[in-house]
Amino acid sequence: INSIIQGNPEKALENNIFSLDPSKTWVVLVLLAGLVLFKIV
């Protein structure tokens, strides 16, 4: 949460298992959307 509100989503996503590059905007959007969908699960 703190990484997000401080504008550093890459920090929260850098260790993703899919080895996607978090510096790309579409990657950030997809990975973050995944967090929203799966957190409640």
PDB file of all heavy atoms in Angstrom:
ATOM      1  N   ILE A   1       0.836  -1.206   0.000  1.00  0.00           N
ATOM      2  CA  ILE A   1       0.000   0.000   0.000  1.00  0.00           C
ATOM      3  C   ILE A   1       0.866   1.250   0.000  1.00  0.00           C
ATOM      4  O   ILE A   1       0.641   2.193  -0.778  1.00  0.00           O
ATOM      5  CB  ILE A   1      -0.942   0.011   1.229  1.00  0.00           C
ATOM      6  CG1 ILE A   1      -1.941  -1.135   1.134  1.00  0.00           C
ATOM      7  CG2 ILE A   1      -1.694   1.348   1.327  1.00  0.00           C
ATOM      8  CD1 ILE A   1      -2.812  -1.293   2.371  1.00  0.00           C
ATOM      9  N   ASN A   2       1.882   1.278   0.855  1.00  0.00           N
ATOM     10  CA  ASN A   2       2.755   2.455   0.932  1.00  0.00           C
ATOM     11  C   ASN A   2       3.533   2.662  -0.357  1.00  0.00           C
ATOM     12  O   ASN A   2       3.761   3.805  -0.782  1.00  0.00           O
ATOM     13  CB  ASN A   2       3.711   2.331   2.119  1.00  0.00           C
ATOM     14  CG  ASN A   2       3.024   2.621   3.446  1.00  0.00           C
ATOM     15  OD1 ASN A   2       2.247   3.561   3.550  1.00  0.00           O
ATOM     16  ND2 ASN A   2       3.283   1.816   4.456  1.00  0.00           N
ATOM     17  N   SER A   3       3.953   1.570  -1.000  1.00  0.00           N
ATOM     18  CA  SER A   3       4.647   1.688  -2.292  1.00  0.00           C
ATOM     19  C   SER A   3       3.717   2.286  -3.341  1.00  0.00           C
ATOM     20  O   SER A   3       4.140   3.108  -4.170  1.00  0.00           O
ATOM     21  CB  SER A   3       5.134   0.305  -2.756  1.00  0.00           C
ATOM     22  OG  SER A   3       6.083  -0.224  -1.863  1.00  0.00           O
ATOM     23  N   ILE A   4       2.450   1.896  -3.291  1.00  0.00           N
ATOM     24  CA  ILE A   4       1.475   2.379  -4.268  1.00  0.00           C
ATOM     25  C   ILE A   4       1.201   3.867  -4.075  1.00  0.00           C
ATOM     26  O   ILE A   4       1.269   4.665  -5.021  1.00  0.00           O
ATOM     27  CB  ILE A   4       0.163   1.573  -4.167  1.00  0.00           C
ATOM     28  CG1 ILE A   4       0.366   0.114  -4.594  1.00  0.00           C
ATOM     29  CG2 ILE A   4      -0.940   2.222  -5.002  1.00  0.00           C
ATOM     30  CD1 ILE A   4       0.737  -0.076  -6.038  1.00  0.00           C
ATOM     31  N   ILE A   5       0.894   4.289  -2.836  1.00  0.00           N
ATOM     32  CA  ILE A   5       0.508   5.686  -2.626  1.00  0.00           C
ATOM     33  C   ILE A   5       1.697   6.637  -2.760  1.00  0.00           C
ATOM     34  O   ILE A   5       1.513   7.841  -2.951  1.00  0.00           O
ATOM     35  CB  ILE A   5      -0.185   5.893  -1.260  1.00  0.00           C
ATOM     36  CG1 ILE A   5       0.736   5.526  -0.105  1.00  0.00           C
ATOM     37  CG2 ILE A   5      -1.481   5.122  -1.194  1.00  0.00           C
ATOM     38  CD1 ILE A   5       0.111   5.755   1.271  1.00  0.00           C
ATOM     39  N   GLN A   6       2.915   6.081  -2.682  1.00  0.00           N
ATOM     40  CA  GLN A   6       4.097   6.906  -2.898  1.00  0.00           C
ATOM     41  C   GLN A   6       4.577   6.872  -4.351  1.00  0.00           C
ATOM     42  O   GLN A   6       5.616   7.429  -4.687  1.00  0.00           O
ATOM     43  CB  GLN A   6       5.222   6.459  -1.968  1.00  0.00           C
ATOM     44  CG  GLN A   6       4.949   6.820  -0.510  1.00  0.00           C
ATOM     45  CD  GLN A   6       5.845   6.083   0.470  1.00  0.00           C
ATOM     46  OE1 GLN A   6       6.805   5.432   0.064  1.00  0.00           O
ATOM     47  NE2 GLN A   6       5.533   6.172   1.746  1.00  0.00           N
ATOM     48  N   GLY A   7       3.781   6.191  -5.213  1.00  0.00           N
ATOM     49  CA  GLY A   7       4.078   6.182  -6.640  1.00  0.00           C
ATOM     50  C   GLY A   7       5.175   5.230  -7.051  1.00  0.00           C
ATOM     51  O   GLY A   7       5.807   5.414  -8.098  1.00  0.00           O
ATOM     52  N   ASN A   8       5.425   4.168  -6.269  1.00  0.00           N
ATOM     53  CA  ASN A   8       6.469   3.186  -6.594  1.00  0.00           C
ATOM     54  C   ASN A   8       5.891   1.774  -6.698  1.00  0.00           C
ATOM     55  O   ASN A   8       6.278   0.878  -5.935  1.00  0.00           O
ATOM     56  CB  ASN A   8       7.573   3.206  -5.522  1.00  0.00           C
ATOM     57  CG  ASN A   8       8.232   4.555  -5.394  1.00  0.00           C
ATOM     58  OD1 ASN A   8       8.550   5.193  -6.399  1.00  0.00           O
ATOM     59  ND2 ASN A   8       8.442   5.001  -4.161  1.00  0.00           N
ATOM     60  N   PRO A   9       4.975   1.534  -7.631  1.00  0.00           N
ATOM     61  CA  PRO A   9       4.400   0.182  -7.729  1.00  0.00           C
ATOM     62  C   PRO A   9       5.430  -0.864  -8.148  1.00  0.00           C
ATOM     63  O   PRO A   9       5.284  -2.042  -7.863  1.00  0.00           O
ATOM     64  CB  PRO A   9       3.315   0.348  -8.797  1.00  0.00           C
ATOM     65  CG  PRO A   9       3.767   1.502  -9.632  1.00  0.00           C
ATOM     66  CD  PRO A   9       4.451   2.433  -8.672  1.00  0.00           C
ATOM     67  N   GLU A  10       6.491  -0.406  -8.849  1.00  0.00           N
ATOM     68  CA  GLU A  10       7.527  -1.339  -9.304  1.00  0.00           C
ATOM     69  C   GLU A  10       8.162  -2.063  -8.123  1.00  0.00           C
ATOM     70  O   GLU A  10       8.541  -3.238  -8.229  1.00  0.00           O
ATOM     71  CB  GLU A  10       8.614  -0.611 -10.107  1.00  0.00           C
ATOM     72  CG  GLU A  10       8.113   0.079 -11.374  1.00  0.00           C
ATOM     73  CD  GLU A  10       7.509   1.459 -11.078  1.00  0.00           C
ATOM     74  OE1 GLU A  10       7.602   1.916  -9.906  1.00  0.00           O
ATOM     75  OE2 GLU A  10       6.922   2.053 -12.002  1.00  0.00           O
ATOM     76  N   LYS A  11       8.286  -1.376  -7.008  1.00  0.00           N
ATOM     77  CA  LYS A  11       8.911  -1.970  -5.825  1.00  0.00           C
ATOM     78  C   LYS A  11       8.108  -3.162  -5.322  1.00  0.00           C
ATOM     79  O   LYS A  11       8.662  -4.174  -4.870  1.00  0.00           O
ATOM     80  CB  LYS A  11       9.028  -0.910  -4.721  1.00  0.00           C
ATOM     81  CG  LYS A  11       9.798  -1.374  -3.502  1.00  0.00           C
ATOM     82  CD  LYS A  11       9.911  -0.250  -2.486  1.00  0.00           C
ATOM     83  CE  LYS A  11      10.648  -0.733  -1.237  1.00  0.00           C
ATOM     84  NZ  LYS A  11      10.725   0.318  -0.202  1.00  0.00           N
ATOM     85  N   ALA A  12       6.795  -3.058  -5.389  1.00  0.00           N
ATOM     86  CA  ALA A  12       5.930  -4.147  -4.924  1.00  0.00           C
ATOM     87  C   ALA A  12       5.860  -5.292  -5.919  1.00  0.00           C
ATOM     88  O   ALA A  12       5.537  -6.420  -5.544  1.00  0.00           O
ATOM     89  CB  ALA A  12       4.528  -3.606  -4.663  1.00  0.00           C
ATOM     90  N   LEU A  13       6.187  -5.016  -7.195  1.00  0.00           N
ATOM     91  CA  LEU A  13       6.011  -6.016  -8.250  1.00  0.00           C
ATOM     92  C   LEU A  13       7.316  -6.596  -8.760  1.00  0.00           C
ATOM     93  O   LEU A  13       7.307  -7.461  -9.638  1.00  0.00           O
ATOM     94  CB  LEU A  13       5.253  -5.389  -9.431  1.00  0.00           C
ATOM     95  CG  LEU A  13       3.872  -4.803  -9.124  1.00  0.00           C
ATOM     96  CD1 LEU A  13       3.335  -4.059 -10.338  1.00  0.00           C
ATOM     97  CD2 LEU A  13       2.906  -5.900  -8.695  1.00  0.00           C
ATOM     98  N   GLU A  14       8.469  -6.170  -8.225  1.00  0.00           N
ATOM     99  CA  GLU A  14       9.752  -6.556  -8.828  1.00  0.00           C
ATOM    100  C   GLU A  14      10.052  -8.043  -8.695  1.00  0.00           C
ATOM    101  O   GLU A  14      10.818  -8.588  -9.488  1.00  0.00           O
ATOM    102  CB  GLU A  14      10.892  -5.735  -8.196  1.00  0.00           C
ATOM    103  CG  GLU A  14      11.006  -5.872  -6.696  1.00  0.00           C
ATOM    104  CD  GLU A  14      11.981  -4.857  -6.115  1.00  0.00           C
ATOM    105  OE1 GLU A  14      12.481  -4.028  -6.887  1.00  0.00           O
ATOM    106  OE2 GLU A  14      12.215  -4.889  -4.884  1.00  0.00           O
ATOM    107  N   ASN A  15       9.471  -8.731  -7.702  1.00  0.00           N
ATOM    108  CA  ASN A  15       9.769 -10.152  -7.511  1.00  0.00           C
ATOM    109  C   ASN A  15       8.674 -11.061  -8.061  1.00  0.00           C
ATOM    110  O   ASN A  15       8.486 -12.166  -7.573  1.00  0.00           O
ATOM    111  CB  ASN A  15       9.962 -10.450  -6.016  1.00  0.00           C
ATOM    112  CG  ASN A  15      11.191  -9.772  -5.459  1.00  0.00           C
ATOM    113  OD1 ASN A  15      12.209  -9.680  -6.142  1.00  0.00           O
ATOM    114  ND2 ASN A  15      11.117  -9.302  -4.223  1.00  0.00           N
ATOM    115  N   ASN A  16       7.951 -10.614  -9.086  1.00  0.00           N
ATOM    116  CA  ASN A  16       6.858 -11.446  -9.595  1.00  0.00           C
ATOM    117  C   ASN A  16       7.398 -12.714 -10.255  1.00  0.00           C
ATOM    118  O   ASN A  16       8.450 -12.706 -10.896  1.00  0.00           O
ATOM    119  CB  ASN A  16       5.978 -10.656 -10.569  1.00  0.00           C
ATOM    120  CG  ASN A  16       6.701 -10.275 -11.849  1.00  0.00           C
ATOM    121  OD1 ASN A  16       6.782 -11.062 -12.784  1.00  0.00           O
ATOM    122  ND2 ASN A  16       7.247  -9.049 -11.884  1.00  0.00           N
ATOM    123  N   ILE A  17       6.683 -13.808 -10.060  1.00  0.00           N
ATOM    124  CA  ILE A  17       7.122 -15.133 -10.502  1.00  0.00           C
ATOM    125  C   ILE A  17       7.162 -15.249 -12.020  1.00  0.00           C
ATOM    126  O   ILE A  17       7.830 -16.110 -12.580  1.00  0.00           O
ATOM    127  CB  ILE A  17       6.186 -16.219  -9.903  1.00  0.00           C
ATOM    128  CG1 ILE A  17       6.798 -17.614 -10.017  1.00  0.00           C
ATOM    129  CG2 ILE A  17       4.832 -16.191 -10.580  1.00  0.00           C
ATOM    130  CD1 ILE A  17       7.929 -17.841  -9.066  1.00  0.00           C
ATOM    131  N   PHE A  18       6.447 -14.317 -12.721  1.00  0.00           N
ATOM    132  CA  PHE A  18       6.376 -14.404 -14.177  1.00  0.00           C
ATOM    133  C   PHE A  18       7.547 -13.706 -14.856  1.00  0.00           C
ATOM    134  O   PHE A  18       7.637 -13.692 -16.087  1.00  0.00           O
ATOM    135  CB  PHE A  18       5.052 -13.797 -14.661  1.00  0.00           C
ATOM    136  CG  PHE A  18       3.855 -14.369 -13.970  1.00  0.00           C
ATOM    137  CD1 PHE A  18       3.187 -13.643 -12.988  1.00  0.00           C
ATOM    138  CD2 PHE A  18       3.390 -15.644 -14.271  1.00  0.00           C
ATOM    139  CE1 PHE A  18       2.087 -14.159 -12.334  1.00  0.00           C
ATOM    140  CE2 PHE A  18       2.295 -16.176 -13.621  1.00  0.00           C
ATOM    141  CZ  PHE A  18       1.644 -15.430 -12.644  1.00  0.00           C
ATOM    142  N   SER A  19       8.423 -13.083 -14.055  1.00  0.00           N
ATOM    143  CA  SER A  19       9.619 -12.386 -14.579  1.00  0.00           C
ATOM    144  C   SER A  19       9.258 -11.307 -15.595  1.00  0.00           C
ATOM    145  O   SER A  19       9.987 -11.076 -16.556  1.00  0.00           O
ATOM    146  CB  SER A  19      10.589 -13.405 -15.211  1.00  0.00           C
ATOM    147  OG  SER A  19      11.005 -14.341 -14.250  1.00  0.00           O
ATOM    148  N   LEU A  20       8.110 -10.648 -15.369  1.00  0.00           N
ATOM    149  CA  LEU A  20       7.706  -9.558 -16.248  1.00  0.00           C
ATOM    150  C   LEU A  20       8.381  -8.264 -15.813  1.00  0.00           C
ATOM    151  O   LEU A  20       8.667  -8.059 -14.632  1.00  0.00           O
ATOM    152  CB  LEU A  20       6.185  -9.384 -16.218  1.00  0.00           C
ATOM    153  CG  LEU A  20       5.357 -10.571 -16.745  1.00  0.00           C
ATOM    154  CD1 LEU A  20       3.878 -10.339 -16.510  1.00  0.00           C
ATOM    155  CD2 LEU A  20       5.626 -10.788 -18.233  1.00  0.00           C
ATOM    156  N   ASP A  21       8.634  -7.396 -16.758  1.00  0.00           N
ATOM    157  CA  ASP A  21       9.333  -6.143 -16.486  1.00  0.00           C
ATOM    158  C   ASP A  21       8.357  -5.099 -15.937  1.00  0.00           C
ATOM    159  O   ASP A  21       7.511  -4.601 -16.671  1.00  0.00           O
ATOM    160  CB  ASP A  21       9.980  -5.628 -17.780  1.00  0.00           C
ATOM    161  CG  ASP A  21      10.777  -4.345 -17.544  1.00  0.00           C
ATOM    162  OD1 ASP A  21      10.951  -3.972 -16.363  1.00  0.00           O
ATOM    163  OD2 ASP A  21      11.219  -3.740 -18.539  1.00  0.00           O
ATOM    164  N   PRO A  22       8.459  -4.747 -14.636  1.00  0.00           N
ATOM    165  CA  PRO A  22       7.491  -3.816 -14.040  1.00  0.00           C
ATOM    166  C   PRO A  22       7.690  -2.364 -14.462  1.00  0.00           C
ATOM    167  O   PRO A  22       6.929  -1.495 -14.037  1.00  0.00           O
ATOM    168  CB  PRO A  22       7.726  -3.982 -12.539  1.00  0.00           C
ATOM    169  CG  PRO A  22       9.144  -4.427 -12.429  1.00  0.00           C
ATOM    170  CD  PRO A  22       9.432  -5.236 -13.657  1.00  0.00           C
ATOM    171  N   SER A  23       8.692  -2.102 -15.272  1.00  0.00           N
ATOM    172  CA  SER A  23       8.886  -0.719 -15.732  1.00  0.00           C
ATOM    173  C   SER A  23       7.931  -0.372 -16.880  1.00  0.00           C
ATOM    174  O   SER A  23       7.765   0.802 -17.223  1.00  0.00           O
ATOM    175  CB  SER A  23      10.334  -0.500 -16.180  1.00  0.00           C
ATOM    176  OG  SER A  23      10.642  -1.342 -17.284  1.00  0.00           O
ATOM    177  N   LYS A  24       7.301  -1.387 -17.484  1.00  0.00           N
ATOM    178  CA  LYS A  24       6.344  -1.162 -18.565  1.00  0.00           C
ATOM    179  C   LYS A  24       4.944  -0.934 -17.990  1.00  0.00           C
ATOM    180  O   LYS A  24       4.494  -1.681 -17.116  1.00  0.00           O
ATOM    181  CB  LYS A  24       6.328  -2.357 -19.520  1.00  0.00           C
ATOM    182  CG  LYS A  24       7.671  -2.566 -20.231  1.00  0.00           C
ATOM    183  CD  LYS A  24       7.609  -3.760 -21.160  1.00  0.00           C
ATOM    184  CE  LYS A  24       8.952  -3.959 -21.878  1.00  0.00           C
ATOM    185  NZ  LYS A  24       8.924  -5.148 -22.764  1.00  0.00           N
ATOM    186  N   THR A  25       4.272   0.072 -18.521  1.00  0.00           N
ATOM    187  CA  THR A  25       2.978   0.474 -17.950  1.00  0.00           C
ATOM    188  C   THR A  25       1.943  -0.639 -18.024  1.00  0.00           C
ATOM    189  O   THR A  25       1.232  -0.906 -17.051  1.00  0.00           O
ATOM    190  CB  THR A  25       2.448   1.723 -18.684  1.00  0.00           C
ATOM    191  OG1 THR A  25       3.405   2.774 -18.564  1.00  0.00           O
ATOM    192  CG2 THR A  25       1.135   2.179 -18.077  1.00  0.00           C
ATOM    193  N   TRP A  26       1.843  -1.329 -19.157  1.00  0.00           N
ATOM    194  CA  TRP A  26       0.814  -2.352 -19.293  1.00  0.00           C
ATOM    195  C   TRP A  26       1.075  -3.527 -18.347  1.00  0.00           C
ATOM    196  O   TRP A  26       0.133  -4.154 -17.839  1.00  0.00           O
ATOM    197  CB  TRP A  26       0.707  -2.831 -20.741  1.00  0.00           C
ATOM    198  CG  TRP A  26       1.880  -3.658 -21.217  1.00  0.00           C
ATOM    199  CD1 TRP A  26       3.005  -3.214 -21.838  1.00  0.00           C
ATOM    200  CD2 TRP A  26       2.027  -5.083 -21.100  1.00  0.00           C
ATOM    201  NE1 TRP A  26       3.852  -4.253 -22.112  1.00  0.00           N
ATOM    202  CE2 TRP A  26       3.273  -5.428 -21.663  1.00  0.00           C
ATOM    203  CE3 TRP A  26       1.243  -6.106 -20.568  1.00  0.00           C
ATOM    204  CZ2 TRP A  26       3.756  -6.730 -21.720  1.00  0.00           C
ATOM    205  CZ3 TRP A  26       1.715  -7.411 -20.615  1.00  0.00           C
ATOM    206  CH2 TRP A  26       2.956  -7.714 -21.194  1.00  0.00           C
ATOM    207  N   VAL A  27       2.350  -3.806 -18.098  1.00  0.00           N
ATOM    208  CA  VAL A  27       2.701  -4.867 -17.153  1.00  0.00           C
ATOM    209  C   VAL A  27       2.242  -4.484 -15.748  1.00  0.00           C
ATOM    210  O   VAL A  27       1.664  -5.292 -15.013  1.00  0.00           O
ATOM    211  CB  VAL A  27       4.224  -5.138 -17.168  1.00  0.00           C
ATOM    212  CG1 VAL A  27       4.606  -6.094 -16.034  1.00  0.00           C
ATOM    213  CG2 VAL A  27       4.645  -5.716 -18.506  1.00  0.00           C
ATOM    214  N   VAL A  28       2.497  -3.222 -15.383  1.00  0.00           N
ATOM    215  CA  VAL A  28       2.076  -2.730 -14.073  1.00  0.00           C
ATOM    216  C   VAL A  28       0.564  -2.834 -13.924  1.00  0.00           C
ATOM    217  O   VAL A  28       0.047  -3.303 -12.895  1.00  0.00           O
ATOM    218  CB  VAL A  28       2.538  -1.268 -13.862  1.00  0.00           C
ATOM    219  CG1 VAL A  28       1.900  -0.681 -12.605  1.00  0.00           C
ATOM    220  CG2 VAL A  28       4.055  -1.189 -13.770  1.00  0.00           C
ATOM    221  N   LEU A  29      -0.178  -2.401 -14.953  1.00  0.00           N
ATOM    222  CA  LEU A  29      -1.632  -2.442 -14.901  1.00  0.00           C
ATOM    223  C   LEU A  29      -2.155  -3.868 -14.747  1.00  0.00           C
ATOM    224  O   LEU A  29      -3.050  -4.131 -13.930  1.00  0.00           O
ATOM    225  CB  LEU A  29      -2.225  -1.798 -16.160  1.00  0.00           C
ATOM    226  CG  LEU A  29      -2.102  -0.274 -16.272  1.00  0.00           C
ATOM    227  CD1 LEU A  29      -2.578   0.194 -17.635  1.00  0.00           C
ATOM    228  CD2 LEU A  29      -2.914   0.414 -15.172  1.00  0.00           C
ATOM    229  N   VAL A  30      -1.601  -4.797 -15.505  1.00  0.00           N
ATOM    230  CA  VAL A  30      -2.062  -6.191 -15.456  1.00  0.00           C
ATOM    231  C   VAL A  30      -1.756  -6.821 -14.098  1.00  0.00           C
ATOM    232  O   VAL A  30      -2.620  -7.461 -13.480  1.00  0.00           O
ATOM    233  CB  VAL A  30      -1.417  -7.013 -16.595  1.00  0.00           C
ATOM    234  CG1 VAL A  30      -1.687  -8.506 -16.400  1.00  0.00           C
ATOM    235  CG2 VAL A  30      -1.947  -6.574 -17.948  1.00  0.00           C
ATOM    236  N   LEU A  31      -0.518  -6.618 -13.623  1.00  0.00           N
ATOM    237  CA  LEU A  31      -0.133  -7.224 -12.342  1.00  0.00           C
ATOM    238  C   LEU A  31      -0.916  -6.633 -11.176  1.00  0.00           C
ATOM    239  O   LEU A  31      -1.353  -7.354 -10.268  1.00  0.00           O
ATOM    240  CB  LEU A  31       1.372  -7.050 -12.109  1.00  0.00           C
ATOM    241  CG  LEU A  31       2.300  -7.846 -13.040  1.00  0.00           C
ATOM    242  CD1 LEU A  31       3.763  -7.536 -12.735  1.00  0.00           C
ATOM    243  CD2 LEU A  31       2.052  -9.354 -12.898  1.00  0.00           C
ATOM    244  N   LEU A  32      -1.118  -5.321 -11.196  1.00  0.00           N
ATOM    245  CA  LEU A  32      -1.876  -4.690 -10.119  1.00  0.00           C
ATOM    246  C   LEU A  32      -3.346  -5.106 -10.155  1.00  0.00           C
ATOM    247  O   LEU A  32      -3.961  -5.326  -9.103  1.00  0.00           O
ATOM    248  CB  LEU A  32      -1.757  -3.166 -10.205  1.00  0.00           C
ATOM    249  CG  LEU A  32      -0.390  -2.570  -9.851  1.00  0.00           C
ATOM    250  CD1 LEU A  32      -0.413  -1.057 -10.011  1.00  0.00           C
ATOM    251  CD2 LEU A  32       0.024  -2.932  -8.427  1.00  0.00           C
ATOM    252  N   ALA A  33      -3.907  -5.206 -11.353  1.00  0.00           N
ATOM    253  CA  ALA A  33      -5.287  -5.676 -11.479  1.00  0.00           C
ATOM    254  C   ALA A  33      -5.416  -7.096 -10.919  1.00  0.00           C
ATOM    255  O   ALA A  33      -6.418  -7.447 -10.281  1.00  0.00           O
ATOM    256  CB  ALA A  33      -5.744  -5.623 -12.931  1.00  0.00           C
ATOM    257  N   GLY A  34      -4.383  -7.912 -11.145  1.00  0.00           N
ATOM    258  CA  GLY A  34      -4.359  -9.270 -10.592  1.00  0.00           C
ATOM    259  C   GLY A  34      -4.373  -9.260  -9.071  1.00  0.00           C
ATOM    260  O   GLY A  34      -5.052 -10.081  -8.435  1.00  0.00           O
ATOM    261  N   LEU A  35      -3.630  -8.308  -8.486  1.00  0.00           N
ATOM    262  CA  LEU A  35      -3.626  -8.196  -7.023  1.00  0.00           C
ATOM    263  C   LEU A  35      -5.023  -7.854  -6.496  1.00  0.00           C
ATOM    264  O   LEU A  35      -5.466  -8.385  -5.473  1.00  0.00           O
ATOM    265  CB  LEU A  35      -2.637  -7.121  -6.571  1.00  0.00           C
ATOM    266  CG  LEU A  35      -1.145  -7.435  -6.720  1.00  0.00           C
ATOM    267  CD1 LEU A  35      -0.312  -6.265  -6.209  1.00  0.00           C
ATOM    268  CD2 LEU A  35      -0.784  -8.699  -5.947  1.00  0.00           C
ATOM    269  N   VAL A  36      -5.718  -6.947  -7.191  1.00  0.00           N
ATOM    270  CA  VAL A  36      -7.077  -6.574  -6.776  1.00  0.00           C
ATOM    271  C   VAL A  36      -8.004  -7.783  -6.844  1.00  0.00           C
ATOM    272  O   VAL A  36      -8.796  -8.040  -5.925  1.00  0.00           O
ATOM    273  CB  VAL A  36      -7.625  -5.436  -7.660  1.00  0.00           C
ATOM    274  CG1 VAL A  36      -9.089  -5.161  -7.341  1.00  0.00           C
ATOM    275  CG2 VAL A  36      -6.809  -4.170  -7.459  1.00  0.00           C
ATOM    276  N   LEU A  37      -7.897  -8.556  -7.915  1.00  0.00           N
ATOM    277  CA  LEU A  37      -8.790  -9.699  -8.102  1.00  0.00           C
ATOM    278  C   LEU A  37      -8.525 -10.822  -7.110  1.00  0.00           C
ATOM    279  O   LEU A  37      -9.455 -11.463  -6.608  1.00  0.00           O
ATOM    280  CB  LEU A  37      -8.656 -10.235  -9.538  1.00  0.00           C
ATOM    281  CG  LEU A  37      -9.169  -9.326 -10.660  1.00  0.00           C
ATOM    282  CD1 LEU A  37      -8.849  -9.932 -12.014  1.00  0.00           C
ATOM    283  CD2 LEU A  37     -10.674  -9.112 -10.531  1.00  0.00           C
ATOM    284  N   PHE A  38      -7.244 -11.071  -6.809  1.00  0.00           N
ATOM    285  CA  PHE A  38      -6.901 -12.258  -6.023  1.00  0.00           C
ATOM    286  C   PHE A  38      -6.728 -12.004  -4.531  1.00  0.00           C
ATOM    287  O   PHE A  38      -6.666 -12.950  -3.754  1.00  0.00           O
ATOM    288  CB  PHE A  38      -5.629 -12.908  -6.586  1.00  0.00           C
ATOM    289  CG  PHE A  38      -5.846 -13.617  -7.888  1.00  0.00           C
ATOM    290  CD1 PHE A  38      -5.367 -13.087  -9.074  1.00  0.00           C
ATOM    291  CD2 PHE A  38      -6.561 -14.807  -7.936  1.00  0.00           C
ATOM    292  CE1 PHE A  38      -5.573 -13.736 -10.294  1.00  0.00           C
ATOM    293  CE2 PHE A  38      -6.773 -15.464  -9.139  1.00  0.00           C
ATOM    294  CZ  PHE A  38      -6.282 -14.922 -10.326  1.00  0.00           C
ATOM    295  N   LYS A  39      -6.641 -10.728  -4.113  1.00  0.00           N
ATOM    296  CA  LYS A  39      -6.472 -10.471  -2.686  1.00  0.00           C
ATOM    297  C   LYS A  39      -7.653 -10.991  -1.881  1.00  0.00           C
ATOM    298  O   LYS A  39      -7.467 -11.636  -0.832  1.00  0.00           O
ATOM    299  CB  LYS A  39      -6.298  -8.958  -2.448  1.00  0.00           C
ATOM    300  CG  LYS A  39      -6.142  -8.582  -0.971  1.00  0.00           C
ATOM    301  CD  LYS A  39      -4.859  -9.139  -0.363  1.00  0.00           C
ATOM    302  CE  LYS A  39      -4.668  -8.656   1.070  1.00  0.00           C
ATOM    303  NZ  LYS A  39      -3.418  -9.170   1.666  1.00  0.00           N
ATOM    304  N   ILE A  40      -8.860 -10.739  -2.326  1.00  0.00           N
ATOM    305  CA  ILE A  40     -10.025 -11.190  -1.575  1.00  0.00           C
ATOM    306  C   ILE A  40     -10.147 -12.706  -1.628  1.00  0.00           C
ATOM    307  O   ILE A  40     -10.642 -13.347  -0.679  1.00  0.00           O
ATOM    308  CB  ILE A  40     -11.330 -10.515  -2.086  1.00  0.00           C
ATOM    309  CG1 ILE A  40     -12.526 -10.936  -1.240  1.00  0.00           C
ATOM    310  CG2 ILE A  40     -11.578 -10.814  -3.546  1.00  0.00           C
ATOM    311  CD1 ILE A  40     -12.358 -10.729   0.244  1.00  0.00           C
ATOM    312  N   VAL A  41      -9.692 -13.319  -2.720  1.00  0.00           N
ATOM    313  CA  VAL A  41      -9.687 -14.790  -2.785  1.00  0.00           C
ATOM    314  C   VAL A  41      -8.745 -15.337  -1.719  1.00  0.00           C
ATOM    315  O   VAL A  41      -9.079 -16.271  -0.971  1.00  0.00           O
ATOM    316  CB  VAL A  41      -9.263 -15.273  -4.188  1.00  0.00           C
ATOM    317  CG1 VAL A  41      -9.184 -16.802  -4.220  1.00  0.00           C
ATOM    318  CG2 VAL A  41     -10.218 -14.759  -5.255  1.00  0.00           C
TER     319      VAL A  41
END
